[in-house]
Amino acid sequence: MRHVLQEKQLMLPATLNSLTTLSHALRQFLAPLQLSEGWIYPLDLALCEAASNIILHGYGENASQTYRVQFHHEGGDIRVTLCDTGTAVPSDKLDASAYREQHEDLTLETLSEGGRGWALIFESVDRVDYQRDGKENRLTLWRALPPELKGN
């Protein structure tokens, strides 16, 4: 059965309370594909971790700010893009292969509380892309659909 997911976009306040809404919106977007929680959870984890970074580090918990989230189904992938106008992400945080190489002996148990976010993001999705366009940050997360849903 072929499912075409309508692209979805939402604006959320830069508060930690928005993470619940974000998680629900992801599941609502993915519902027609009838994916297992085991497939959804890693993407949800990466998405909420990235949004937390925007809220805590990009905006310094300034609740008057907002961030935009776009959900997109493209071929065999789900793509989620977060956009904000907060502080740019430091470039040393963005190279997944360098990050893994520098931290290859670390586990989630040995990482400090402040060092887990990017490890969780990189390990939970298939691809991460970041761009700064003028004053806007754009972080995109990709997760490949299970083989039986590719092309849906």
N, C-alpha and C. Protein backbone atom coordinates (compact mmCIF):
# COMPACT_ATOMS: atom_id res chain seq x y z
N MET A 1 0.84 -1.18 0.00
CA MET A 1 0.00 0.00 0.00
C MET A 1 0.88 1.24 0.00
N ARG A 2 0.59 2.18 -0.88
CA ARG A 2 1.38 3.39 -1.02
C ARG A 2 0.77 4.52 -0.19
N HIS A 3 1.60 5.14 0.62
CA HIS A 3 1.16 6.27 1.44
C HIS A 3 1.91 7.51 1.00
N VAL A 4 1.20 8.59 0.82
CA VAL A 4 1.82 9.88 0.53
C VAL A 4 1.53 10.77 1.73
N LEU A 5 2.58 11.17 2.40
CA LEU A 5 2.41 12.01 3.57
C LEU A 5 2.47 13.48 3.16
N GLN A 6 1.48 14.22 3.59
CA GLN A 6 1.43 15.65 3.34
C GLN A 6 2.48 16.34 4.20
N GLU A 7 3.30 17.19 3.59
CA GLU A 7 4.29 17.93 4.37
C GLU A 7 3.57 18.70 5.46
N LYS A 8 4.20 18.74 6.62
CA LYS A 8 3.59 19.42 7.78
C LYS A 8 4.60 20.40 8.36
N GLN A 9 4.09 21.55 8.77
CA GLN A 9 4.95 22.57 9.37
C GLN A 9 4.26 23.13 10.60
N LEU A 10 5.04 23.41 11.64
CA LEU A 10 4.47 24.05 12.82
C LEU A 10 5.48 24.99 13.46
N MET A 11 4.96 25.97 14.15
CA MET A 11 5.76 26.92 14.93
C MET A 11 5.53 26.59 16.40
N LEU A 12 6.62 26.54 17.14
CA LEU A 12 6.52 26.20 18.55
C LEU A 12 7.24 27.25 19.39
N PRO A 13 6.76 27.49 20.61
CA PRO A 13 7.47 28.40 21.50
C PRO A 13 8.76 27.76 21.98
N ALA A 14 9.77 28.56 22.21
CA ALA A 14 11.08 28.06 22.65
C ALA A 14 11.05 27.76 24.14
N THR A 15 10.23 26.77 24.50
CA THR A 15 10.14 26.31 25.88
C THR A 15 10.27 24.79 25.89
N LEU A 16 10.76 24.25 26.98
CA LEU A 16 10.89 22.79 27.08
C LEU A 16 9.53 22.11 27.03
N ASN A 17 8.47 22.80 27.44
CA ASN A 17 7.13 22.24 27.35
C ASN A 17 6.71 21.96 25.91
N SER A 18 7.32 22.62 24.94
CA SER A 18 6.97 22.41 23.53
C SER A 18 7.42 21.03 23.03
N LEU A 19 8.31 20.38 23.76
CA LEU A 19 8.83 19.08 23.30
C LEU A 19 7.73 18.02 23.26
N THR A 20 6.77 18.10 24.16
CA THR A 20 5.65 17.15 24.14
C THR A 20 4.83 17.34 22.87
N THR A 21 4.53 18.58 22.53
CA THR A 21 3.80 18.90 21.31
C THR A 21 4.57 18.43 20.09
N LEU A 22 5.88 18.65 20.09
CA LEU A 22 6.74 18.23 18.99
C LEU A 22 6.70 16.72 18.80
N SER A 23 6.81 15.99 19.88
CA SER A 23 6.78 14.53 19.83
C SER A 23 5.44 14.02 19.30
N HIS A 24 4.35 14.61 19.75
CA HIS A 24 3.02 14.23 19.28
C HIS A 24 2.87 14.54 17.79
N ALA A 25 3.37 15.70 17.36
CA ALA A 25 3.27 16.09 15.95
C ALA A 25 4.03 15.11 15.05
N LEU A 26 5.20 14.66 15.50
CA LEU A 26 5.96 13.68 14.73
C LEU A 26 5.15 12.39 14.56
N ARG A 27 4.61 11.90 15.65
CA ARG A 27 3.82 10.65 15.59
C ARG A 27 2.57 10.81 14.73
N GLN A 28 1.94 11.96 14.81
CA GLN A 28 0.76 12.24 13.99
C GLN A 28 1.14 12.24 12.50
N PHE A 29 2.26 12.86 12.17
CA PHE A 29 2.74 12.90 10.79
C PHE A 29 3.02 11.50 10.26
N LEU A 30 3.63 10.65 11.09
CA LEU A 30 4.03 9.31 10.68
C LEU A 30 2.91 8.27 10.75
N ALA A 31 1.80 8.59 11.40
CA ALA A 31 0.74 7.61 11.64
C ALA A 31 0.29 6.83 10.40
N PRO A 32 0.12 7.46 9.23
CA PRO A 32 -0.34 6.68 8.06
C PRO A 32 0.62 5.55 7.65
N LEU A 33 1.88 5.65 8.04
CA LEU A 33 2.86 4.62 7.67
C LEU A 33 2.83 3.42 8.62
N GLN A 34 2.14 3.54 9.73
CA GLN A 34 2.03 2.47 10.72
C GLN A 34 3.41 1.91 11.12
N LEU A 35 4.33 2.82 11.41
CA LEU A 35 5.67 2.44 11.83
C LEU A 35 5.67 1.98 13.28
N SER A 36 6.59 1.10 13.61
CA SER A 36 6.71 0.64 15.00
C SER A 36 7.31 1.74 15.87
N GLU A 37 7.01 1.67 17.15
CA GLU A 37 7.61 2.61 18.09
C GLU A 37 9.13 2.48 18.08
N GLY A 38 9.62 1.26 17.83
CA GLY A 38 11.06 1.03 17.73
C GLY A 38 11.70 1.81 16.60
N TRP A 39 10.95 2.08 15.54
CA TRP A 39 11.48 2.89 14.44
C TRP A 39 11.32 4.38 14.76
N ILE A 40 10.20 4.75 15.33
CA ILE A 40 9.90 6.17 15.59
C ILE A 40 10.78 6.74 16.69
N TYR A 41 10.99 5.98 17.75
CA TYR A 41 11.67 6.50 18.94
C TYR A 41 13.03 7.15 18.65
N PRO A 42 13.93 6.53 17.88
CA PRO A 42 15.22 7.20 17.65
C PRO A 42 15.08 8.56 16.97
N LEU A 43 14.15 8.67 16.02
CA LEU A 43 13.95 9.96 15.36
C LEU A 43 13.37 10.97 16.35
N ASP A 44 12.43 10.53 17.17
CA ASP A 44 11.85 11.40 18.19
C ASP A 44 12.93 11.87 19.17
N LEU A 45 13.79 10.96 19.58
CA LEU A 45 14.87 11.30 20.50
C LEU A 45 15.79 12.36 19.91
N ALA A 46 16.23 12.15 18.67
CA ALA A 46 17.11 13.11 17.99
C ALA A 46 16.40 14.46 17.82
N LEU A 47 15.14 14.42 17.43
CA LEU A 47 14.37 15.64 17.20
C LEU A 47 14.21 16.45 18.49
N CYS A 48 13.83 15.78 19.55
CA CYS A 48 13.65 16.49 20.83
C CYS A 48 14.98 16.98 21.39
N GLU A 49 16.04 16.24 21.16
CA GLU A 49 17.37 16.68 21.61
C GLU A 49 17.79 17.92 20.83
N ALA A 50 17.56 17.92 19.52
CA ALA A 50 17.90 19.09 18.70
C ALA A 50 17.06 20.31 19.11
N ALA A 51 15.77 20.09 19.36
CA ALA A 51 14.90 21.19 19.79
C ALA A 51 15.35 21.71 21.16
N SER A 52 15.75 20.81 22.04
CA SER A 52 16.27 21.23 23.35
C SER A 52 17.50 22.12 23.20
N ASN A 53 18.36 21.76 22.24
CA ASN A 53 19.55 22.60 21.98
C ASN A 53 19.15 23.99 21.53
N ILE A 54 18.13 24.08 20.68
CA ILE A 54 17.65 25.39 20.24
C ILE A 54 17.15 26.19 21.44
N ILE A 55 16.32 25.55 22.24
CA ILE A 55 15.70 26.22 23.39
C ILE A 55 16.74 26.66 24.42
N LEU A 56 17.63 25.75 24.79
CA LEU A 56 18.59 26.03 25.87
C LEU A 56 19.80 26.82 25.42
N HIS A 57 20.35 26.47 24.26
CA HIS A 57 21.60 27.09 23.82
C HIS A 57 21.40 28.17 22.76
N GLY A 58 20.49 27.94 21.84
CA GLY A 58 20.25 28.92 20.78
C GLY A 58 19.54 30.16 21.28
N TYR A 59 18.55 29.93 22.15
CA TYR A 59 17.74 31.04 22.66
C TYR A 59 17.95 31.31 24.14
N GLY A 60 18.76 30.51 24.82
CA GLY A 60 18.99 30.74 26.25
C GLY A 60 17.71 30.72 27.06
N GLU A 61 16.79 29.84 26.70
CA GLU A 61 15.51 29.67 27.39
C GLU A 61 14.65 30.94 27.36
N ASN A 62 14.73 31.69 26.28
CA ASN A 62 13.91 32.89 26.11
C ASN A 62 12.56 32.46 25.53
N ALA A 63 11.56 32.35 26.37
CA ALA A 63 10.25 31.83 26.00
C ALA A 63 9.51 32.72 25.00
N SER A 64 9.97 33.92 24.76
CA SER A 64 9.31 34.78 23.77
C SER A 64 9.72 34.42 22.34
N GLN A 65 10.70 33.55 22.20
CA GLN A 65 11.18 33.13 20.87
C GLN A 65 10.41 31.90 20.39
N THR A 66 10.50 31.63 19.09
CA THR A 66 9.85 30.45 18.51
C THR A 66 10.83 29.74 17.59
N TYR A 67 10.51 28.49 17.30
CA TYR A 67 11.24 27.73 16.29
C TYR A 67 10.24 27.02 15.40
N ARG A 68 10.65 26.77 14.16
CA ARG A 68 9.78 26.16 13.16
C ARG A 68 10.26 24.74 12.88
N VAL A 69 9.31 23.84 12.68
CA VAL A 69 9.63 22.45 12.38
C VAL A 69 8.87 22.05 11.13
N GLN A 70 9.57 21.40 10.19
CA GLN A 70 8.96 20.91 8.96
C GLN A 70 9.18 19.40 8.88
N PHE A 71 8.09 18.68 8.65
CA PHE A 71 8.13 17.23 8.47
C PHE A 71 7.93 16.95 6.98
N HIS A 72 8.76 16.06 6.43
CA HIS A 72 8.68 15.78 5.00
C HIS A 72 8.97 14.31 4.75
N HIS A 73 8.19 13.72 3.86
CA HIS A 73 8.41 12.33 3.42
C HIS A 73 8.93 12.39 2.00
N GLU A 74 10.11 11.86 1.78
CA GLU A 74 10.75 11.95 0.47
C GLU A 74 11.28 10.57 0.09
N GLY A 75 10.61 9.90 -0.85
CA GLY A 75 11.06 8.58 -1.27
C GLY A 75 11.10 7.62 -0.10
N GLY A 76 12.29 7.16 0.21
CA GLY A 76 12.46 6.20 1.29
C GLY A 76 12.91 6.82 2.59
N ASP A 77 12.78 8.12 2.73
CA ASP A 77 13.27 8.82 3.92
C ASP A 77 12.20 9.70 4.54
N ILE A 78 12.34 9.89 5.83
CA ILE A 78 11.61 10.93 6.55
C ILE A 78 12.65 12.00 6.87
N ARG A 79 12.29 13.24 6.58
CA ARG A 79 13.20 14.37 6.84
C ARG A 79 12.47 15.35 7.75
N VAL A 80 13.17 15.78 8.79
CA VAL A 80 12.62 16.78 9.71
C VAL A 80 13.62 17.92 9.79
N THR A 81 13.15 19.13 9.55
CA THR A 81 14.02 20.31 9.58
C THR A 81 13.54 21.25 10.68
N LEU A 82 14.49 21.67 11.50
CA LEU A 82 14.21 22.65 12.57
C LEU A 82 14.88 23.96 12.16
N CYS A 83 14.13 25.05 12.26
CA CYS A 83 14.64 26.37 11.89
C CYS A 83 14.47 27.32 13.07
N ASP A 84 15.50 28.13 13.30
CA ASP A 84 15.44 29.11 14.39
C ASP A 84 16.37 30.26 14.07
N THR A 85 16.26 31.32 14.83
CA THR A 85 17.13 32.50 14.65
C THR A 85 18.00 32.72 15.87
N GLY A 86 18.26 31.66 16.61
CA GLY A 86 19.10 31.76 17.81
C GLY A 86 20.57 31.74 17.44
N THR A 87 21.38 31.57 18.45
CA THR A 87 22.83 31.49 18.29
C THR A 87 23.19 30.34 17.35
N ALA A 88 24.18 30.56 16.49
CA ALA A 88 24.62 29.51 15.56
C ALA A 88 25.22 28.33 16.33
N VAL A 89 25.09 27.15 15.74
CA VAL A 89 25.69 25.95 16.34
C VAL A 89 27.20 26.00 16.10
N PRO A 90 28.01 25.80 17.13
CA PRO A 90 29.47 25.80 16.93
C PRO A 90 29.88 24.71 15.94
N SER A 91 30.77 25.05 15.02
CA SER A 91 31.15 24.12 13.95
C SER A 91 31.75 22.81 14.47
N ASP A 92 32.39 22.82 15.64
CA ASP A 92 32.99 21.58 16.16
C ASP A 92 31.93 20.56 16.59
N LYS A 93 30.69 20.98 16.70
CA LYS A 93 29.61 20.07 17.10
C LYS A 93 29.01 19.33 15.90
N LEU A 94 29.31 19.79 14.68
CA LEU A 94 28.55 19.36 13.51
C LEU A 94 29.15 18.26 12.65
N ASP A 95 30.39 17.89 12.87
CA ASP A 95 31.03 16.86 12.05
C ASP A 95 30.86 15.51 12.73
N ALA A 96 29.90 14.72 12.22
CA ALA A 96 29.57 13.44 12.85
C ALA A 96 30.75 12.49 12.85
N SER A 97 31.49 12.38 11.74
CA SER A 97 32.60 11.42 11.69
C SER A 97 33.72 11.85 12.62
N ALA A 98 34.03 13.14 12.66
CA ALA A 98 35.06 13.62 13.58
C ALA A 98 34.60 13.44 15.01
N TYR A 99 33.33 13.70 15.26
CA TYR A 99 32.78 13.54 16.60
C TYR A 99 32.92 12.09 17.06
N ARG A 100 32.54 11.16 16.18
CA ARG A 100 32.63 9.73 16.53
C ARG A 100 34.08 9.31 16.74
N GLU A 101 34.98 9.83 15.90
CA GLU A 101 36.40 9.48 16.02
C GLU A 101 36.97 9.99 17.35
N GLN A 102 36.64 11.22 17.70
CA GLN A 102 37.14 11.80 18.94
C GLN A 102 36.53 11.15 20.17
N HIS A 103 35.34 10.58 20.03
CA HIS A 103 34.63 10.03 21.17
C HIS A 103 34.37 8.53 21.04
N GLU A 104 35.20 7.83 20.25
CA GLU A 104 34.92 6.41 19.98
C GLU A 104 34.92 5.53 21.21
N ASP A 105 35.64 5.91 22.24
CA ASP A 105 35.69 5.09 23.45
C ASP A 105 34.64 5.50 24.49
N LEU A 106 33.84 6.51 24.15
CA LEU A 106 32.82 6.97 25.09
C LEU A 106 31.52 6.19 24.91
N THR A 107 30.82 6.03 25.98
CA THR A 107 29.48 5.46 25.95
C THR A 107 28.55 6.50 26.55
N LEU A 108 27.25 6.28 26.41
CA LEU A 108 26.31 7.23 27.00
C LEU A 108 26.51 7.32 28.51
N GLU A 109 26.94 6.23 29.12
CA GLU A 109 27.15 6.23 30.56
C GLU A 109 28.34 7.10 30.97
N THR A 110 29.37 7.20 30.09
CA THR A 110 30.56 7.96 30.46
C THR A 110 30.51 9.41 29.99
N LEU A 111 29.55 9.74 29.13
CA LEU A 111 29.41 11.12 28.70
C LEU A 111 28.81 11.96 29.82
N SER A 112 29.24 13.21 29.90
CA SER A 112 28.64 14.10 30.89
C SER A 112 27.24 14.47 30.42
N GLU A 113 26.43 14.94 31.32
CA GLU A 113 25.07 15.34 30.98
C GLU A 113 25.07 16.32 29.82
N GLY A 114 25.98 17.27 29.82
CA GLY A 114 26.04 18.26 28.75
C GLY A 114 26.64 17.75 27.46
N GLY A 115 27.22 16.57 27.43
CA GLY A 115 27.84 16.06 26.22
C GLY A 115 27.06 14.99 25.51
N ARG A 116 25.89 14.66 26.00
CA ARG A 116 25.12 13.56 25.42
C ARG A 116 24.31 13.95 24.19
N GLY A 117 23.89 15.18 24.10
CA GLY A 117 22.96 15.60 23.06
C GLY A 117 23.38 15.29 21.65
N TRP A 118 24.56 15.74 21.26
CA TRP A 118 25.01 15.50 19.89
C TRP A 118 25.27 14.03 19.65
N ALA A 119 25.77 13.30 20.65
CA ALA A 119 25.96 11.86 20.49
C ALA A 119 24.62 11.18 20.22
N LEU A 120 23.60 11.55 20.95
CA LEU A 120 22.27 10.99 20.74
C LEU A 120 21.74 11.32 19.35
N ILE A 121 21.91 12.56 18.92
CA ILE A 121 21.44 12.97 17.60
C ILE A 121 22.14 12.16 16.51
N PHE A 122 23.47 12.14 16.53
CA PHE A 122 24.22 11.44 15.47
C PHE A 122 23.93 9.94 15.44
N GLU A 123 23.73 9.34 16.61
CA GLU A 123 23.51 7.90 16.66
C GLU A 123 22.07 7.50 16.35
N SER A 124 21.15 8.44 16.41
CA SER A 124 19.73 8.11 16.27
C SER A 124 19.17 8.28 14.86
N VAL A 125 19.87 9.00 14.02
CA VAL A 125 19.38 9.22 12.65
C VAL A 125 20.47 8.85 11.65
N ASP A 126 20.08 8.78 10.38
CA ASP A 126 21.01 8.36 9.34
C ASP A 126 21.87 9.51 8.81
N ARG A 127 21.35 10.71 8.91
CA ARG A 127 22.09 11.86 8.38
C ARG A 127 21.67 13.12 9.12
N VAL A 128 22.63 14.02 9.31
CA VAL A 128 22.38 15.31 9.95
C VAL A 128 23.02 16.38 9.07
N ASP A 129 22.28 17.44 8.80
CA ASP A 129 22.82 18.54 8.01
C ASP A 129 22.47 19.85 8.71
N TYR A 130 23.44 20.76 8.77
CA TYR A 130 23.21 22.06 9.39
C TYR A 130 23.65 23.14 8.42
N GLN A 131 22.83 24.18 8.31
CA GLN A 131 23.19 25.34 7.51
C GLN A 131 22.76 26.59 8.25
N ARG A 132 23.58 27.60 8.11
CA ARG A 132 23.25 28.93 8.65
C ARG A 132 23.04 29.82 7.44
N ASP A 133 21.83 30.33 7.28
CA ASP A 133 21.49 31.18 6.14
C ASP A 133 21.10 32.54 6.69
N GLY A 134 22.02 33.49 6.60
CA GLY A 134 21.78 34.80 7.21
C GLY A 134 21.71 34.63 8.71
N LYS A 135 20.56 34.93 9.29
CA LYS A 135 20.39 34.79 10.74
C LYS A 135 19.61 33.53 11.10
N GLU A 136 19.32 32.68 10.11
CA GLU A 136 18.52 31.49 10.38
C GLU A 136 19.38 30.23 10.41
N ASN A 137 19.17 29.44 11.45
CA ASN A 137 19.79 28.11 11.56
C ASN A 137 18.81 27.10 10.99
N ARG A 138 19.33 26.13 10.22
CA ARG A 138 18.51 25.05 9.70
C ARG A 138 19.21 23.73 9.97
N LEU A 139 18.63 22.93 10.84
CA LEU A 139 19.17 21.60 11.16
C LEU A 139 18.19 20.57 10.62
N THR A 140 18.69 19.70 9.74
CA THR A 140 17.84 18.68 9.12
C THR A 140 18.29 17.30 9.55
N LEU A 141 17.32 16.49 9.95
CA LEU A 141 17.56 15.11 10.38
C LEU A 141 16.88 14.19 9.37
N TRP A 142 17.58 13.15 8.92
CA TRP A 142 17.02 12.16 8.01
C TRP A 142 17.01 10.80 8.70
N ARG A 143 15.96 10.05 8.45
CA ARG A 143 15.89 8.66 8.91
C ARG A 143 15.28 7.84 7.77
N ALA A 144 15.99 6.79 7.35
CA ALA A 144 15.53 5.93 6.27
C ALA A 144 14.37 5.07 6.76
N LEU A 145 13.35 4.96 5.93
CA LEU A 145 12.22 4.10 6.25
C LEU A 145 12.65 2.64 6.18
N PRO A 146 11.93 1.75 6.86
CA PRO A 146 12.23 0.33 6.74
C PRO A 146 12.09 -0.11 5.27
N PRO A 147 12.83 -1.13 4.84
CA PRO A 147 12.83 -1.55 3.43
C PRO A 147 11.44 -1.78 2.84
N GLU A 148 10.52 -2.32 3.62
CA GLU A 148 9.18 -2.60 3.08
C GLU A 148 8.38 -1.33 2.79
N LEU A 149 8.84 -0.18 3.28
CA LEU A 149 8.14 1.09 3.04
C LEU A 149 8.89 2.01 2.08
N LYS A 150 10.06 1.60 1.62
CA LYS A 150 10.83 2.45 0.70
C LYS A 150 10.00 2.71 -0.54
N GLY A 151 10.04 3.95 -1.00
CA GLY A 151 9.29 4.31 -2.19
C GLY A 151 7.84 4.66 -1.91
N ASN A 152 7.40 4.48 -0.67
CA ASN A 152 6.01 4.83 -0.34
C ASN A 152 5.87 6.31 -0.18
